Amino acid sequence: MRVYKFLSSEFVMKDIWERRIKISEISDLNDPFELIPCDLSDPKHLHAVLVTRDLMTRNRGLLCFSRSWTNPLLWSHYGDKHRGMCLGFDLIESDMVRDVDYVDERLP
């Protein structure tokens, strides 16, 4: 399976030279609702989810890929406003890759 990583022009050459890709910290994600999949109108739920997210931030991160390199929206958001680069990777083992399902409504 081939997956694609969009990179800003600022970091792409460094990543290629060092043969590494930065793992995004959860606290640095561009969507403030990332990893908040449920209705948080109950203050207890809000507190529990935020504490869990903060705990995950300490020792986990995300490495996001796309199955396509041709999506203009991805180039805009993750490809340095169409000035960056997109690298393709052929995965030998795909058991660590998970699809993301975007839904219109949060879980209750």
Protein backbone atom coordinates (compact mmCIF):
# COMPACT_ATOMS: atom_id res chain seq x y z
CA MET A 1 0.00 0.00 0.00
CA ARG A 2 1.29 3.46 -0.86
CA VAL A 3 0.53 6.37 1.47
CA TYR A 4 1.40 10.04 1.16
CA LYS A 5 2.73 12.60 3.62
CA PHE A 6 2.30 16.30 2.96
CA LEU A 7 5.13 18.46 4.28
CA SER A 8 5.89 22.15 4.38
CA SER A 9 8.76 23.35 2.25
CA GLU A 10 10.47 24.49 5.45
CA PHE A 11 11.01 20.95 6.75
CA VAL A 12 10.89 18.62 3.75
CA MET A 13 14.59 18.68 2.83
CA LYS A 14 15.63 18.20 6.47
CA ASP A 15 13.28 15.23 6.77
CA ILE A 16 14.65 13.65 3.59
CA TRP A 17 18.27 14.28 4.60
CA GLU A 18 17.79 12.84 8.08
CA ARG A 19 15.51 10.04 6.80
CA ARG A 20 12.90 10.77 9.43
CA ILE A 21 9.47 12.35 9.78
CA LYS A 22 8.31 14.37 12.75
CA ILE A 23 5.53 12.79 14.77
CA SER A 24 2.89 15.37 15.62
CA GLU A 25 2.16 15.89 19.27
CA ILE A 26 -1.52 15.73 20.10
CA SER A 27 -1.39 19.17 21.73
CA ASP A 28 -0.05 20.67 18.46
CA LEU A 29 -2.81 19.41 16.15
CA ASN A 30 -4.55 22.10 14.13
CA ASP A 31 -8.10 20.99 15.05
CA PRO A 32 -9.00 21.91 18.65
CA PHE A 33 -11.68 19.17 18.61
CA GLU A 34 -9.26 16.42 17.58
CA LEU A 35 -9.72 13.32 19.72
CA ILE A 36 -12.89 14.72 21.27
CA PRO A 37 -15.43 12.41 19.63
CA CYS A 38 -18.40 12.85 21.95
CA ASP A 39 -20.94 15.34 23.21
CA LEU A 40 -19.30 17.26 26.05
CA SER A 41 -22.23 19.20 27.40
CA ASP A 42 -21.88 17.34 30.70
CA PRO A 43 -18.96 18.93 32.63
CA LYS A 44 -17.93 15.52 34.00
CA HIS A 45 -17.54 14.15 30.48
CA LEU A 46 -15.65 17.25 29.38
CA HIS A 47 -13.22 16.93 32.28
CA ALA A 48 -12.68 13.19 31.69
CA VAL A 49 -12.02 13.63 27.97
CA LEU A 50 -9.63 16.56 28.46
CA VAL A 51 -7.69 14.72 31.17
CA THR A 52 -7.42 11.65 28.94
CA ARG A 53 -6.25 13.76 26.00
CA ASP A 54 -3.66 15.49 28.20
CA LEU A 55 -2.36 12.12 29.45
CA MET A 56 -2.08 10.86 25.87
CA THR A 57 -0.16 13.99 24.90
CA ARG A 58 2.65 13.08 27.28
CA ASN A 59 3.75 9.91 25.50
CA ARG A 60 1.87 9.56 22.24
CA GLY A 61 1.70 11.29 18.92
CA LEU A 62 0.24 10.97 15.45
CA LEU A 63 1.74 10.41 12.06
CA CYS A 64 -0.91 11.16 9.47
CA PHE A 65 -0.88 9.98 5.88
CA SER A 66 -3.27 10.16 2.97
CA ARG A 67 -4.17 7.57 0.35
CA SER A 68 -4.14 10.31 -2.29
CA TRP A 69 -1.71 13.07 -3.20
CA THR A 70 -4.10 14.89 -5.56
CA ASN A 71 -6.57 16.47 -3.13
CA PRO A 72 -6.34 20.30 -3.32
CA LEU A 73 -7.68 20.68 0.21
CA LEU A 74 -4.87 18.51 1.61
CA TRP A 75 -2.32 20.55 -0.34
CA SER A 76 -3.80 23.71 1.11
CA HIS A 77 -3.89 22.59 4.74
CA TYR A 78 -0.91 20.25 5.01
CA GLY A 79 1.22 21.05 1.98
CA ASP A 80 2.23 24.55 3.04
CA LYS A 81 -0.56 26.24 1.05
CA HIS A 82 0.46 24.42 -2.17
CA ARG A 83 4.16 25.35 -1.73
CA GLY A 84 5.30 22.19 0.07
CA MET A 85 5.96 18.67 -1.07
CA CYS A 86 4.23 15.34 -0.83
CA LEU A 87 6.29 12.21 -0.22
CA GLY A 88 5.03 8.72 -1.06
CA PHE A 89 5.81 5.68 1.10
CA ASP A 90 5.25 2.05 0.22
CA LEU A 91 4.23 0.21 3.37
CA ILE A 92 5.30 -3.40 3.65
CA GLU A 93 3.10 -4.02 6.68
CA SER A 94 -0.14 -2.09 6.90
CA ASP A 95 -1.35 -3.38 10.27
CA MET A 96 -0.37 -0.13 12.02
CA VAL A 97 -2.34 2.05 9.62
CA ARG A 98 -5.89 2.98 10.56
CA ASP A 99 -8.48 4.69 8.42
CA VAL A 100 -10.14 7.77 9.86
CA ASP A 101 -13.91 7.95 9.57
CA TYR A 102 -15.28 11.47 9.67
CA VAL A 103 -18.89 11.73 10.80
CA ASP A 104 -21.30 14.63 10.90
CA GLU A 105 -22.48 14.12 14.46
CA ARG A 106 -20.59 13.45 17.68
CA LEU A 107 -21.21 10.37 19.77
CA PRO A 108 -23.73 10.86 22.61
